[in-house]
Amino acid sequence: MSNLYTSYPIPAPLNSAARAYLRSLAAMSPVTQIGKGGLTENLIATVSDALEARELIKLSVLETADCTARDAAEALAEQLRAVVVAVIGRKIILFRRPLNPKNRRIELPGRGTV
């Protein structure tokens, strides 16, 4: 799979305060589900679009999926240049800054909007 998301900067690791703050914001419904088809090009594009629009998203990994939630989270984060905020059970929380600084909505504690 080619990486079409190289225009995004490689994310810096989150400190514990930023990670806790993002987890507190993640009380939302999952954007999409990862099923037995795994990480397809369409799923990756959907997740990327959602990250660009929202910065912080939640995903659900179904029991029928051929990968674990942790494996899916790490693969998505690597391909999309996102940060894995948390993996709780079969739920994944991802964070990525949008390319356009005007679209940034989340201000991380201790870092400002960077």
PDB file of N, CA and C in Angstrom:
ATOM      1  N   MET A   1       0.832  -1.179   0.000  1.00  0.00           N
ATOM      2  CA  MET A   1       0.000   0.000   0.000  1.00  0.00           C
ATOM      3  C   MET A   1       0.879   1.245   0.000  1.00  0.00           C
ATOM      4  N   SER A   2       0.649   2.116  -0.951  1.00  0.00           N
ATOM      5  CA  SER A   2       1.440   3.342  -0.983  1.00  0.00           C
ATOM      6  C   SER A   2       0.903   4.340   0.033  1.00  0.00           C
ATOM      7  N   ASN A   3       1.803   5.180   0.521  1.00  0.00           N
ATOM      8  CA  ASN A   3       1.396   6.173   1.514  1.00  0.00           C
ATOM      9  C   ASN A   3       1.113   7.487   0.805  1.00  0.00           C
ATOM     10  N   LEU A   4      -0.151   7.859   0.702  1.00  0.00           N
ATOM     11  CA  LEU A   4      -0.561   9.092   0.044  1.00  0.00           C
ATOM     12  C   LEU A   4      -0.589  10.263   1.001  1.00  0.00           C
ATOM     13  N   TYR A   5      -0.239  10.049   2.238  1.00  0.00           N
ATOM     14  CA  TYR A   5      -0.413  11.058   3.270  1.00  0.00           C
ATOM     15  C   TYR A   5       0.923  11.625   3.736  1.00  0.00           C
ATOM     16  N   THR A   6       1.919  11.657   2.839  1.00  0.00           N
ATOM     17  CA  THR A   6       3.245  12.137   3.213  1.00  0.00           C
ATOM     18  C   THR A   6       3.296  13.650   3.378  1.00  0.00           C
ATOM     19  N   SER A   7       2.272  14.377   2.954  1.00  0.00           N
ATOM     20  CA  SER A   7       2.266  15.826   3.146  1.00  0.00           C
ATOM     21  C   SER A   7       1.996  16.194   4.606  1.00  0.00           C
ATOM     22  N   TYR A   8       1.497  15.256   5.379  1.00  0.00           N
ATOM     23  CA  TYR A   8       1.288  15.502   6.809  1.00  0.00           C
ATOM     24  C   TYR A   8       2.616  15.340   7.531  1.00  0.00           C
ATOM     25  N   PRO A   9       2.903  16.213   8.492  1.00  0.00           N
ATOM     26  CA  PRO A   9       4.158  16.060   9.237  1.00  0.00           C
ATOM     27  C   PRO A   9       4.107  14.817  10.127  1.00  0.00           C
ATOM     28  N   ILE A  10       5.270  14.279  10.399  1.00  0.00           N
ATOM     29  CA  ILE A  10       5.344  13.150  11.328  1.00  0.00           C
ATOM     30  C   ILE A  10       5.000  13.695  12.713  1.00  0.00           C
ATOM     31  N   PRO A  11       4.008  13.105  13.372  1.00  0.00           N
ATOM     32  CA  PRO A  11       3.549  13.677  14.644  1.00  0.00           C
ATOM     33  C   PRO A  11       4.545  13.471  15.778  1.00  0.00           C
ATOM     34  N   ALA A  12       4.602  14.470  16.639  1.00  0.00           N
ATOM     35  CA  ALA A  12       5.408  14.351  17.856  1.00  0.00           C
ATOM     36  C   ALA A  12       4.620  13.527  18.869  1.00  0.00           C
ATOM     37  N   PRO A  13       5.303  12.795  19.728  1.00  0.00           N
ATOM     38  CA  PRO A  13       4.581  12.034  20.745  1.00  0.00           C
ATOM     39  C   PRO A  13       3.823  12.962  21.696  1.00  0.00           C
ATOM     40  N   LEU A  14       2.700  12.482  22.186  1.00  0.00           N
ATOM     41  CA  LEU A  14       1.892  13.266  23.122  1.00  0.00           C
ATOM     42  C   LEU A  14       2.409  13.076  24.539  1.00  0.00           C
ATOM     43  N   ASN A  15       2.394  14.156  25.314  1.00  0.00           N
ATOM     44  CA  ASN A  15       2.717  13.990  26.735  1.00  0.00           C
ATOM     45  C   ASN A  15       1.468  13.475  27.451  1.00  0.00           C
ATOM     46  N   SER A  16       1.607  13.076  28.702  1.00  0.00           N
ATOM     47  CA  SER A  16       0.490  12.446  29.410  1.00  0.00           C
ATOM     48  C   SER A  16      -0.679  13.406  29.608  1.00  0.00           C
ATOM     49  N   ALA A  17      -0.408  14.697  29.800  1.00  0.00           N
ATOM     50  CA  ALA A  17      -1.494  15.663  29.979  1.00  0.00           C
ATOM     51  C   ALA A  17      -2.293  15.815  28.691  1.00  0.00           C
ATOM     52  N   ALA A  18      -1.607  15.875  27.554  1.00  0.00           N
ATOM     53  CA  ALA A  18      -2.286  15.993  26.266  1.00  0.00           C
ATOM     54  C   ALA A  18      -3.094  14.728  25.963  1.00  0.00           C
ATOM     55  N   ARG A  19      -2.500  13.578  26.251  1.00  0.00           N
ATOM     56  CA  ARG A  19      -3.202  12.301  26.017  1.00  0.00           C
ATOM     57  C   ARG A  19      -4.468  12.212  26.876  1.00  0.00           C
ATOM     58  N   ALA A  20      -4.376  12.598  28.140  1.00  0.00           N
ATOM     59  CA  ALA A  20      -5.540  12.569  29.034  1.00  0.00           C
ATOM     60  C   ALA A  20      -6.610  13.551  28.560  1.00  0.00           C
ATOM     61  N   TYR A  21      -6.190  14.725  28.115  1.00  0.00           N
ATOM     62  CA  TYR A  21      -7.135  15.725  27.621  1.00  0.00           C
ATOM     63  C   TYR A  21      -7.860  15.209  26.381  1.00  0.00           C
ATOM     64  N   LEU A  22      -7.137  14.604  25.459  1.00  0.00           N
ATOM     65  CA  LEU A  22      -7.763  14.069  24.245  1.00  0.00           C
ATOM     66  C   LEU A  22      -8.695  12.906  24.566  1.00  0.00           C
ATOM     67  N   ARG A  23      -8.315  12.063  25.515  1.00  0.00           N
ATOM     68  CA  ARG A  23      -9.219  10.973  25.923  1.00  0.00           C
ATOM     69  C   ARG A  23     -10.515  11.537  26.484  1.00  0.00           C
ATOM     70  N   SER A  24     -10.421  12.658  27.216  1.00  0.00           N
ATOM     71  CA  SER A  24     -11.637  13.257  27.789  1.00  0.00           C
ATOM     72  C   SER A  24     -12.540  13.831  26.703  1.00  0.00           C
ATOM     73  N   LEU A  25     -11.966  14.245  25.586  1.00  0.00           N
ATOM     74  CA  LEU A  25     -12.761  14.782  24.473  1.00  0.00           C
ATOM     75  C   LEU A  25     -13.363  13.690  23.595  1.00  0.00           C
ATOM     76  N   ALA A  26     -12.929  12.473  23.768  1.00  0.00           N
ATOM     77  CA  ALA A  26     -13.311  11.383  22.870  1.00  0.00           C
ATOM     78  C   ALA A  26     -14.617  10.699  23.240  1.00  0.00           C
ATOM     79  N   ALA A  27     -15.465  11.347  24.004  1.00  0.00           N
ATOM     80  CA  ALA A  27     -16.774  10.779  24.341  1.00  0.00           C
ATOM     81  C   ALA A  27     -17.709  11.014  23.159  1.00  0.00           C
ATOM     82  N   MET A  28     -17.516  10.215  22.110  1.00  0.00           N
ATOM     83  CA  MET A  28     -18.265  10.362  20.872  1.00  0.00           C
ATOM     84  C   MET A  28     -18.551   8.982  20.301  1.00  0.00           C
ATOM     85  N   SER A  29     -19.423   8.941  19.335  1.00  0.00           N
ATOM     86  CA  SER A  29     -19.709   7.679  18.655  1.00  0.00           C
ATOM     87  C   SER A  29     -18.572   7.361  17.684  1.00  0.00           C
ATOM     88  N   PRO A  30     -18.300   6.086  17.459  1.00  0.00           N
ATOM     89  CA  PRO A  30     -17.270   5.728  16.485  1.00  0.00           C
ATOM     90  C   PRO A  30     -17.632   6.230  15.081  1.00  0.00           C
ATOM     91  N   VAL A  31     -16.628   6.719  14.361  1.00  0.00           N
ATOM     92  CA  VAL A  31     -16.824   7.241  13.015  1.00  0.00           C
ATOM     93  C   VAL A  31     -17.068   6.101  12.042  1.00  0.00           C
ATOM     94  N   THR A  32     -16.327   5.023  12.193  1.00  0.00           N
ATOM     95  CA  THR A  32     -16.468   3.874  11.312  1.00  0.00           C
ATOM     96  C   THR A  32     -16.038   2.611  12.056  1.00  0.00           C
ATOM     97  N   GLN A  33     -16.236   1.482  11.397  1.00  0.00           N
ATOM     98  CA  GLN A  33     -15.888   0.199  11.993  1.00  0.00           C
ATOM     99  C   GLN A  33     -14.888  -0.531  11.106  1.00  0.00           C
ATOM    100  N   ILE A  34     -13.993  -1.250  11.741  1.00  0.00           N
ATOM    101  CA  ILE A  34     -13.053  -2.098  11.018  1.00  0.00           C
ATOM    102  C   ILE A  34     -13.568  -3.519  11.153  1.00  0.00           C
ATOM    103  N   GLY A  35     -13.891  -4.124  10.029  1.00  0.00           N
ATOM    104  CA  GLY A  35     -14.482  -5.460  10.039  1.00  0.00           C
ATOM    105  C   GLY A  35     -13.555  -6.500   9.456  1.00  0.00           C
ATOM    106  N   LYS A  36     -14.150  -7.567   8.939  1.00  0.00           N
ATOM    107  CA  LYS A  36     -13.334  -8.677   8.450  1.00  0.00           C
ATOM    108  C   LYS A  36     -12.547  -8.312   7.195  1.00  0.00           C
ATOM    109  N   GLY A  37     -12.912  -7.226   6.530  1.00  0.00           N
ATOM    110  CA  GLY A  37     -12.154  -6.769   5.370  1.00  0.00           C
ATOM    111  C   GLY A  37     -10.830  -6.136   5.743  1.00  0.00           C
ATOM    112  N   GLY A  38     -10.677  -5.779   7.013  1.00  0.00           N
ATOM    113  CA  GLY A  38      -9.422  -5.192   7.474  1.00  0.00           C
ATOM    114  C   GLY A  38      -9.264  -3.747   7.042  1.00  0.00           C
ATOM    115  N   LEU A  39      -8.018  -3.341   6.871  1.00  0.00           N
ATOM    116  CA  LEU A  39      -7.694  -1.956   6.530  1.00  0.00           C
ATOM    117  C   LEU A  39      -7.608  -1.801   5.014  1.00  0.00           C
ATOM    118  N   THR A  40      -8.738  -1.547   4.395  1.00  0.00           N
ATOM    119  CA  THR A  40      -8.789  -1.367   2.954  1.00  0.00           C
ATOM    120  C   THR A  40      -8.450   0.076   2.591  1.00  0.00           C
ATOM    121  N   GLU A  41      -8.183   0.313   1.312  1.00  0.00           N
ATOM    122  CA  GLU A  41      -7.892   1.674   0.836  1.00  0.00           C
ATOM    123  C   GLU A  41      -9.062   2.608   1.127  1.00  0.00           C
ATOM    124  N   ASN A  42     -10.298   2.116   0.938  1.00  0.00           N
ATOM    125  CA  ASN A  42     -11.478   2.951   1.205  1.00  0.00           C
ATOM    126  C   ASN A  42     -11.589   3.306   2.677  1.00  0.00           C
ATOM    127  N   LEU A  43     -11.326   2.351   3.550  1.00  0.00           N
ATOM    128  CA  LEU A  43     -11.388   2.612   4.983  1.00  0.00           C
ATOM    129  C   LEU A  43     -10.328   3.629   5.390  1.00  0.00           C
ATOM    130  N   ILE A  44      -9.127   3.482   4.855  1.00  0.00           N
ATOM    131  CA  ILE A  44      -8.035   4.407   5.175  1.00  0.00           C
ATOM    132  C   ILE A  44      -8.385   5.815   4.690  1.00  0.00           C
ATOM    133  N   ALA A  45      -8.955   5.937   3.501  1.00  0.00           N
ATOM    134  CA  ALA A  45      -9.361   7.246   2.984  1.00  0.00           C
ATOM    135  C   ALA A  45     -10.467   7.857   3.837  1.00  0.00           C
ATOM    136  N   THR A  46     -11.417   7.039   4.281  1.00  0.00           N
ATOM    137  CA  THR A  46     -12.494   7.519   5.147  1.00  0.00           C
ATOM    138  C   THR A  46     -11.946   8.031   6.472  1.00  0.00           C
ATOM    139  N   VAL A  47     -11.026   7.286   7.059  1.00  0.00           N
ATOM    140  CA  VAL A  47     -10.428   7.688   8.329  1.00  0.00           C
ATOM    141  C   VAL A  47      -9.625   8.976   8.148  1.00  0.00           C
ATOM    142  N   SER A  48      -8.889   9.087   7.055  1.00  0.00           N
ATOM    143  CA  SER A  48      -8.115  10.297   6.790  1.00  0.00           C
ATOM    144  C   SER A  48      -9.021  11.518   6.642  1.00  0.00           C
ATOM    145  N   ASP A  49     -10.108  11.360   5.896  1.00  0.00           N
ATOM    146  CA  ASP A  49     -11.067  12.466   5.728  1.00  0.00           C
ATOM    147  C   ASP A  49     -11.670  12.877   7.065  1.00  0.00           C
ATOM    148  N   ALA A  50     -11.995  11.892   7.890  1.00  0.00           N
ATOM    149  CA  ALA A  50     -12.573  12.190   9.201  1.00  0.00           C
ATOM    150  C   ALA A  50     -11.559  12.904  10.093  1.00  0.00           C
ATOM    151  N   LEU A  51     -10.305  12.491  10.036  1.00  0.00           N
ATOM    152  CA  LEU A  51      -9.264  13.153  10.825  1.00  0.00           C
ATOM    153  C   LEU A  51      -9.059  14.592  10.357  1.00  0.00           C
ATOM    154  N   GLU A  52      -9.106  14.809   9.059  1.00  0.00           N
ATOM    155  CA  GLU A  52      -8.931  16.156   8.535  1.00  0.00           C
ATOM    156  C   GLU A  52     -10.065  17.072   8.990  1.00  0.00           C
ATOM    157  N   ALA A  53     -11.269  16.524   9.057  1.00  0.00           N
ATOM    158  CA  ALA A  53     -12.434  17.325   9.442  1.00  0.00           C
ATOM    159  C   ALA A  53     -12.544  17.520  10.950  1.00  0.00           C
ATOM    160  N   ARG A  54     -12.166  16.496  11.730  1.00  0.00           N
ATOM    161  CA  ARG A  54     -12.442  16.522  13.179  1.00  0.00           C
ATOM    162  C   ARG A  54     -11.218  16.545  14.076  1.00  0.00           C
ATOM    163  N   GLU A  55     -10.065  16.166  13.570  1.00  0.00           N
ATOM    164  CA  GLU A  55      -8.814  16.041  14.326  1.00  0.00           C
ATOM    165  C   GLU A  55      -8.789  14.828  15.255  1.00  0.00           C
ATOM    166  N   LEU A  56      -9.874  14.555  15.945  1.00  0.00           N
ATOM    167  CA  LEU A  56      -9.942  13.471  16.930  1.00  0.00           C
ATOM    168  C   LEU A  56     -11.114  12.569  16.557  1.00  0.00           C
ATOM    169  N   ILE A  57     -10.840  11.277  16.370  1.00  0.00           N
ATOM    170  CA  ILE A  57     -11.909  10.354  16.002  1.00  0.00           C
ATOM    171  C   ILE A  57     -11.805   9.074  16.814  1.00  0.00           C
ATOM    172  N   LYS A  58     -12.935   8.382  16.853  1.00  0.00           N
ATOM    173  CA  LYS A  58     -12.997   7.081  17.515  1.00  0.00           C
ATOM    174  C   LYS A  58     -13.413   6.059  16.461  1.00  0.00           C
ATOM    175  N   LEU A  59     -12.790   4.887  16.506  1.00  0.00           N
ATOM    176  CA  LEU A  59     -13.099   3.782  15.605  1.00  0.00           C
ATOM    177  C   LEU A  59     -13.437   2.556  16.437  1.00  0.00           C
ATOM    178  N   SER A  60     -14.181   1.672  15.848  1.00  0.00           N
ATOM    179  CA  SER A  60     -14.540   0.429  16.509  1.00  0.00           C
ATOM    180  C   SER A  60     -14.029  -0.740  15.672  1.00  0.00           C
ATOM    181  N   VAL A  61     -13.419  -1.715  16.321  1.00  0.00           N
ATOM    182  CA  VAL A  61     -12.934  -2.918  15.648  1.00  0.00           C
ATOM    183  C   VAL A  61     -13.895  -4.049  15.991  1.00  0.00           C
ATOM    184  N   LEU A  62     -14.513  -4.610  14.963  1.00  0.00           N
ATOM    185  CA  LEU A  62     -15.484  -5.683  15.177  1.00  0.00           C
ATOM    186  C   LEU A  62     -14.777  -6.982  15.558  1.00  0.00           C
ATOM    187  N   GLU A  63     -15.512  -7.877  16.197  1.00  0.00           N
ATOM    188  CA  GLU A  63     -14.958  -9.178  16.594  1.00  0.00           C
ATOM    189  C   GLU A  63     -14.521  -9.999  15.387  1.00  0.00           C
ATOM    190  N   THR A  64     -15.162  -9.772  14.248  1.00  0.00           N
ATOM    191  CA  THR A  64     -14.846 -10.540  13.043  1.00  0.00           C
ATOM    192  C   THR A  64     -13.606 -10.021  12.317  1.00  0.00           C
ATOM    193  N   ALA A  65     -13.027  -8.926  12.777  1.00  0.00           N
ATOM    194  CA  ALA A  65     -11.854  -8.353  12.115  1.00  0.00           C
ATOM    195  C   ALA A  65     -10.676  -9.320  12.205  1.00  0.00           C
ATOM    196  N   ASP A  66      -9.840  -9.282  11.178  1.00  0.00           N
ATOM    197  CA  ASP A  66      -8.701 -10.186  11.136  1.00  0.00           C
ATOM    198  C   ASP A  66      -7.467  -9.629  11.846  1.00  0.00           C
ATOM    199  N   CYS A  67      -7.620  -8.498  12.553  1.00  0.00           N
ATOM    200  CA  CYS A  67      -6.505  -7.922  13.300  1.00  0.00           C
ATOM    201  C   CYS A  67      -7.012  -7.434  14.656  1.00  0.00           C
ATOM    202  N   THR A  68      -6.099  -7.234  15.572  1.00  0.00           N
ATOM    203  CA  THR A  68      -6.484  -6.710  16.884  1.00  0.00           C
ATOM    204  C   THR A  68      -6.645  -5.198  16.785  1.00  0.00           C
ATOM    205  N   ALA A  69      -7.277  -4.625  17.776  1.00  0.00           N
ATOM    206  CA  ALA A  69      -7.456  -3.175  17.804  1.00  0.00           C
ATOM    207  C   ALA A  69      -6.101  -2.477  17.865  1.00  0.00           C
ATOM    208  N   ARG A  70      -5.170  -3.002  18.658  1.00  0.00           N
ATOM    209  CA  ARG A  70      -3.836  -2.399  18.776  1.00  0.00           C
ATOM    210  C   ARG A  70      -3.109  -2.422  17.438  1.00  0.00           C
ATOM    211  N   ASP A  71      -3.151  -3.566  16.735  1.00  0.00           N
ATOM    212  CA  ASP A  71      -2.488  -3.674  15.430  1.00  0.00           C
ATOM    213  C   ASP A  71      -3.100  -2.710  14.423  1.00  0.00           C
ATOM    214  N   ALA A  72      -4.426  -2.622  14.409  1.00  0.00           N
ATOM    215  CA  ALA A  72      -5.110  -1.709  13.486  1.00  0.00           C
ATOM    216  C   ALA A  72      -4.767  -0.267  13.797  1.00  0.00           C
ATOM    217  N   ALA A  73      -4.725   0.086  15.079  1.00  0.00           N
ATOM    218  CA  ALA A  73      -4.405   1.455  15.490  1.00  0.00           C
ATOM    219  C   ALA A  73      -2.996   1.837  15.049  1.00  0.00           C
ATOM    220  N   GLU A  74      -2.046   0.962  15.281  1.00  0.00           N
ATOM    221  CA  GLU A  74      -0.663   1.264  14.917  1.00  0.00           C
ATOM    222  C   GLU A  74      -0.495   1.358  13.405  1.00  0.00           C
ATOM    223  N   ALA A  75      -1.165   0.491  12.654  1.00  0.00           N
ATOM    224  CA  ALA A  75      -1.078   0.532  11.197  1.00  0.00           C
ATOM    225  C   ALA A  75      -1.701   1.820  10.644  1.00  0.00           C
ATOM    226  N   LEU A  76      -2.868   2.184  11.162  1.00  0.00           N
ATOM    227  CA  LEU A  76      -3.512   3.419  10.713  1.00  0.00           C
ATOM    228  C   LEU A  76      -2.676   4.642  11.069  1.00  0.00           C
ATOM    229  N   ALA A  77      -2.167   4.679  12.282  1.00  0.00           N
ATOM    230  CA  ALA A  77      -1.359   5.824  12.719  1.00  0.00           C
ATOM    231  C   ALA A  77      -0.119   5.976  11.848  1.00  0.00           C
ATOM    232  N   GLU A  78       0.515   4.874  11.525  1.00  0.00           N
ATOM    233  CA  GLU A  78       1.714   4.933  10.688  1.00  0.00           C
ATOM    234  C   GLU A  78       1.382   5.405   9.280  1.00  0.00           C
ATOM    235  N   GLN A  79       0.323   4.855   8.698  1.00  0.00           N
ATOM    236  CA  GLN A  79      -0.036   5.222   7.324  1.00  0.00           C
ATOM    237  C   GLN A  79      -0.556   6.643   7.212  1.00  0.00           C
ATOM    238  N   LEU A  80      -1.328   7.082   8.191  1.00  0.00           N
ATOM    239  CA  LEU A  80      -1.979   8.385   8.117  1.00  0.00           C
ATOM    240  C   LEU A  80      -1.213   9.477   8.849  1.00  0.00           C
ATOM    241  N   ARG A  81      -0.085   9.120   9.438  1.00  0.00           N
ATOM    242  CA  ARG A  81       0.707  10.066  10.236  1.00  0.00           C
ATOM    243  C   ARG A  81      -0.154  10.702  11.326  1.00  0.00           C
ATOM    244  N   ALA A  82      -0.791   9.833  12.068  1.00  0.00           N
ATOM    245  CA  ALA A  82      -1.641  10.233  13.189  1.00  0.00           C
ATOM    246  C   ALA A  82      -1.015   9.710  14.471  1.00  0.00           C
ATOM    247  N   VAL A  83      -1.627  10.072  15.587  1.00  0.00           N
ATOM    248  CA  VAL A  83      -1.166   9.612  16.894  1.00  0.00           C
ATOM    249  C   VAL A  83      -2.258   8.737  17.503  1.00  0.00           C
ATOM    250  N   VAL A  84      -1.866   7.585  18.030  1.00  0.00           N
ATOM    251  CA  VAL A  84      -2.804   6.741  18.757  1.00  0.00           C
ATOM    252  C   VAL A  84      -2.945   7.336  20.156  1.00  0.00           C
ATOM    253  N   VAL A  85      -4.126   7.849  20.459  1.00  0.00           N
ATOM    254  CA  VAL A  85      -4.378   8.419  21.786  1.00  0.00           C
ATOM    255  C   VAL A  85      -4.618   7.294  22.777  1.00  0.00           C
ATOM    256  N   ALA A  86      -5.455   6.329  22.391  1.00  0.00           N
ATOM    257  CA  ALA A  86      -5.765   5.210  23.281  1.00  0.00           C
ATOM    258  C   ALA A  86      -6.365   4.060  22.491  1.00  0.00           C
ATOM    259  N   VAL A  87      -6.170   2.875  23.007  1.00  0.00           N
ATOM    260  CA  VAL A  87      -6.866   1.676  22.538  1.00  0.00           C
ATOM    261  C   VAL A  87      -7.482   1.068  23.775  1.00  0.00           C
ATOM    262  N   ILE A  88      -8.810   1.060  23.804  1.00  0.00           N
ATOM    263  CA  ILE A  88      -9.542   0.547  24.965  1.00  0.00           C
ATOM    264  C   ILE A  88     -10.475  -0.542  24.458  1.00  0.00           C
ATOM    265  N   GLY A  89     -10.144  -1.785  24.790  1.00  0.00           N
ATOM    266  CA  GLY A  89     -10.938  -2.899  24.285  1.00  0.00           C
ATOM    267  C   GLY A  89     -10.846  -2.952  22.771  1.00  0.00           C
ATOM    268  N   ARG A  90     -11.992  -2.800  22.103  1.00  0.00           N
ATOM    269  CA  ARG A  90     -12.022  -2.796  20.643  1.00  0.00           C
ATOM    270  C   ARG A  90     -12.243  -1.389  20.081  1.00  0.00           C
ATOM    271  N   LYS A  91     -12.023  -0.381  20.894  1.00  0.00           N
ATOM    272  CA  LYS A  91     -12.165   1.020  20.466  1.00  0.00           C
ATOM    273  C   LYS A  91     -10.786   1.650  20.291  1.00  0.00           C
ATOM    274  N   ILE A  92     -10.648   2.461  19.248  1.00  0.00           N
ATOM    275  CA  ILE A  92      -9.400   3.158  18.936  1.00  0.00           C
ATOM    276  C   ILE A  92      -9.697   4.652  18.908  1.00  0.00           C
ATOM    277  N   ILE A  93      -8.818   5.445  19.494  1.00  0.00           N
ATOM    278  CA  ILE A  93      -8.930   6.901  19.421  1.00  0.00           C
ATOM    279  C   ILE A  93      -7.669   7.412  18.730  1.00  0.00           C
ATOM    280  N   LEU A  94      -7.860   8.137  17.603  1.00  0.00           N
ATOM    281  CA  LEU A  94      -6.751   8.689  16.833  1.00  0.00           C
ATOM    282  C   LEU A  94      -6.840  10.208  16.795  1.00  0.00           C
ATOM    283  N   PHE A  95      -5.678  10.844  16.692  1.00  0.00           N
ATOM    284  CA  PHE A  95      -5.594  12.305  16.622  1.00  0.00           C
ATOM    285  C   PHE A  95      -4.592  12.687  15.538  1.00  0.00           C
ATOM    286  N   ARG A  96      -4.970  13.683  14.725  1.00  0.00           N
ATOM    287  CA  ARG A  96      -4.052  14.236  13.726  1.00  0.00           C
ATOM    288  C   ARG A  96      -4.436  15.681  13.449  1.00  0.00           C
ATOM    289  N   ARG A  97      -3.441  16.544  13.402  1.00  0.00           N
ATOM    290  CA  ARG A  97      -3.671  17.941  13.061  1.00  0.00           C
ATOM    291  C   ARG A  97      -4.041  18.051  11.580  1.00  0.00           C
ATOM    292  N   PRO A  98      -4.994  18.933  11.230  1.00  0.00           N
ATOM    293  CA  PRO A  98      -5.300  19.156   9.813  1.00  0.00           C
ATOM    294  C   PRO A  98      -4.162  19.922   9.140  1.00  0.00           C
ATOM    295  N   LEU A  99      -4.051  19.794   7.817  1.00  0.00           N
ATOM    296  CA  LEU A  99      -3.006  20.500   7.083  1.00  0.00           C
ATOM    297  C   LEU A  99      -3.183  22.012   7.158  1.00  0.00           C
ATOM    298  N   ASN A 100      -4.426  22.466   7.100  1.00  0.00           N
ATOM    299  CA  ASN A 100      -4.715  23.894   7.143  1.00  0.00           C
ATOM    300  C   ASN A 100      -4.797  24.350   8.603  1.00  0.00           C
ATOM    301  N   PRO A 101      -3.893  25.222   9.054  1.00  0.00           N
ATOM    302  CA  PRO A 101      -3.922  25.668  10.454  1.00  0.00           C
ATOM    303  C   PRO A 101      -5.234  26.354  10.850  1.00  0.00           C
ATOM    304  N   LYS A 102      -5.967  26.895   9.893  1.00  0.00           N
ATOM    305  CA  LYS A 102      -7.248  27.543  10.205  1.00  0.00           C
ATOM    306  C   LYS A 102      -8.303  26.533  10.648  1.00  0.00           C
ATOM    307  N   ASN A 103      -8.125  25.273  10.291  1.00  0.00           N
ATOM    308  CA  ASN A 103      -9.090  24.229  10.649  1.00  0.00           C
ATOM    309  C   ASN A 103      -8.805  23.590  12.003  1.00  0.00           C
ATOM    310  N   ARG A 104      -7.766  24.017  12.685  1.00  0.00           N
ATOM    311  CA  ARG A 104      -7.424  23.435  13.986  1.00  0.00           C
ATOM    312  C   ARG A 104      -8.422  23.891  15.035  1.00  0.00           C
ATOM    313  N   ARG A 105      -8.977  22.920  15.739  1.00  0.00           N
ATOM    314  CA  ARG A 105      -9.998  23.212  16.754  1.00  0.00           C
ATOM    315  C   ARG A 105      -9.554  22.873  18.163  1.00  0.00           C
ATOM    316  N   ILE A 106      -8.648  21.926  18.283  1.00  0.00           N
ATOM    317  CA  ILE A 106      -8.256  21.424  19.595  1.00  0.00           C
ATOM    318  C   ILE A 106      -6.937  22.065  20.017  1.00  0.00           C
ATOM    319  N   GLU A 107      -6.953  22.644  21.186  1.00  0.00           N
ATOM    320  CA  GLU A 107      -5.738  23.224  21.760  1.00  0.00           C
ATOM    321  C   GLU A 107      -5.258  22.294  22.873  1.00  0.00           C
ATOM    322  N   LEU A 108      -4.072  21.747  22.673  1.00  0.00           N
ATOM    323  CA  LEU A 108      -3.531  20.798  23.640  1.00  0.00           C
ATOM    324  C   LEU A 108      -2.937  21.528  24.835  1.00  0.00           C
ATOM    325  N   PRO A 109      -3.102  21.005  26.039  1.00  0.00           N
ATOM    326  CA  PRO A 109      -2.524  21.645  27.219  1.00  0.00           C
ATOM    327  C   PRO A 109      -1.001  21.623  27.169  1.00  0.00           C
ATOM    328  N   GLY A 110      -0.414  22.756  27.465  1.00  0.00           N
ATOM    329  CA  GLY A 110       1.036  22.838  27.521  1.00  0.00           C
ATOM    330  C   GLY A 110       1.719  23.003  26.194  1.00  0.00           C
ATOM    331  N   ARG A 111       0.987  22.927  25.098  1.00  0.00           N
ATOM    332  CA  ARG A 111       1.584  23.025  23.779  1.00  0.00           C
ATOM    333  C   ARG A 111       0.978  24.124  22.932  1.00  0.00           C
ATOM    334  N   GLY A 112      -0.095  24.711  23.340  1.00  0.00           N
ATOM    335  CA  GLY A 112      -0.802  25.648  22.471  1.00  0.00           C
ATOM    336  C   GLY A 112      -1.469  24.891  21.351  1.00  0.00           C
ATOM    337  N   THR A 113      -1.411  25.405  20.131  1.00  0.00           N
ATOM    338  CA  THR A 113      -2.080  24.759  18.997  1.00  0.00           C
ATOM    339  C   THR A 113      -1.115  23.978  18.124  1.00  0.00           C
ATOM    340  N   VAL A 114       0.082  23.743  18.562  1.00  0.00           N
ATOM    341  CA  VAL A 114       1.059  23.019  17.745  1.00  0.00           C
ATOM    342  C   VAL A 114       0.804  21.540  17.825  1.00  0.00           C
TER     343      VAL A 114
END
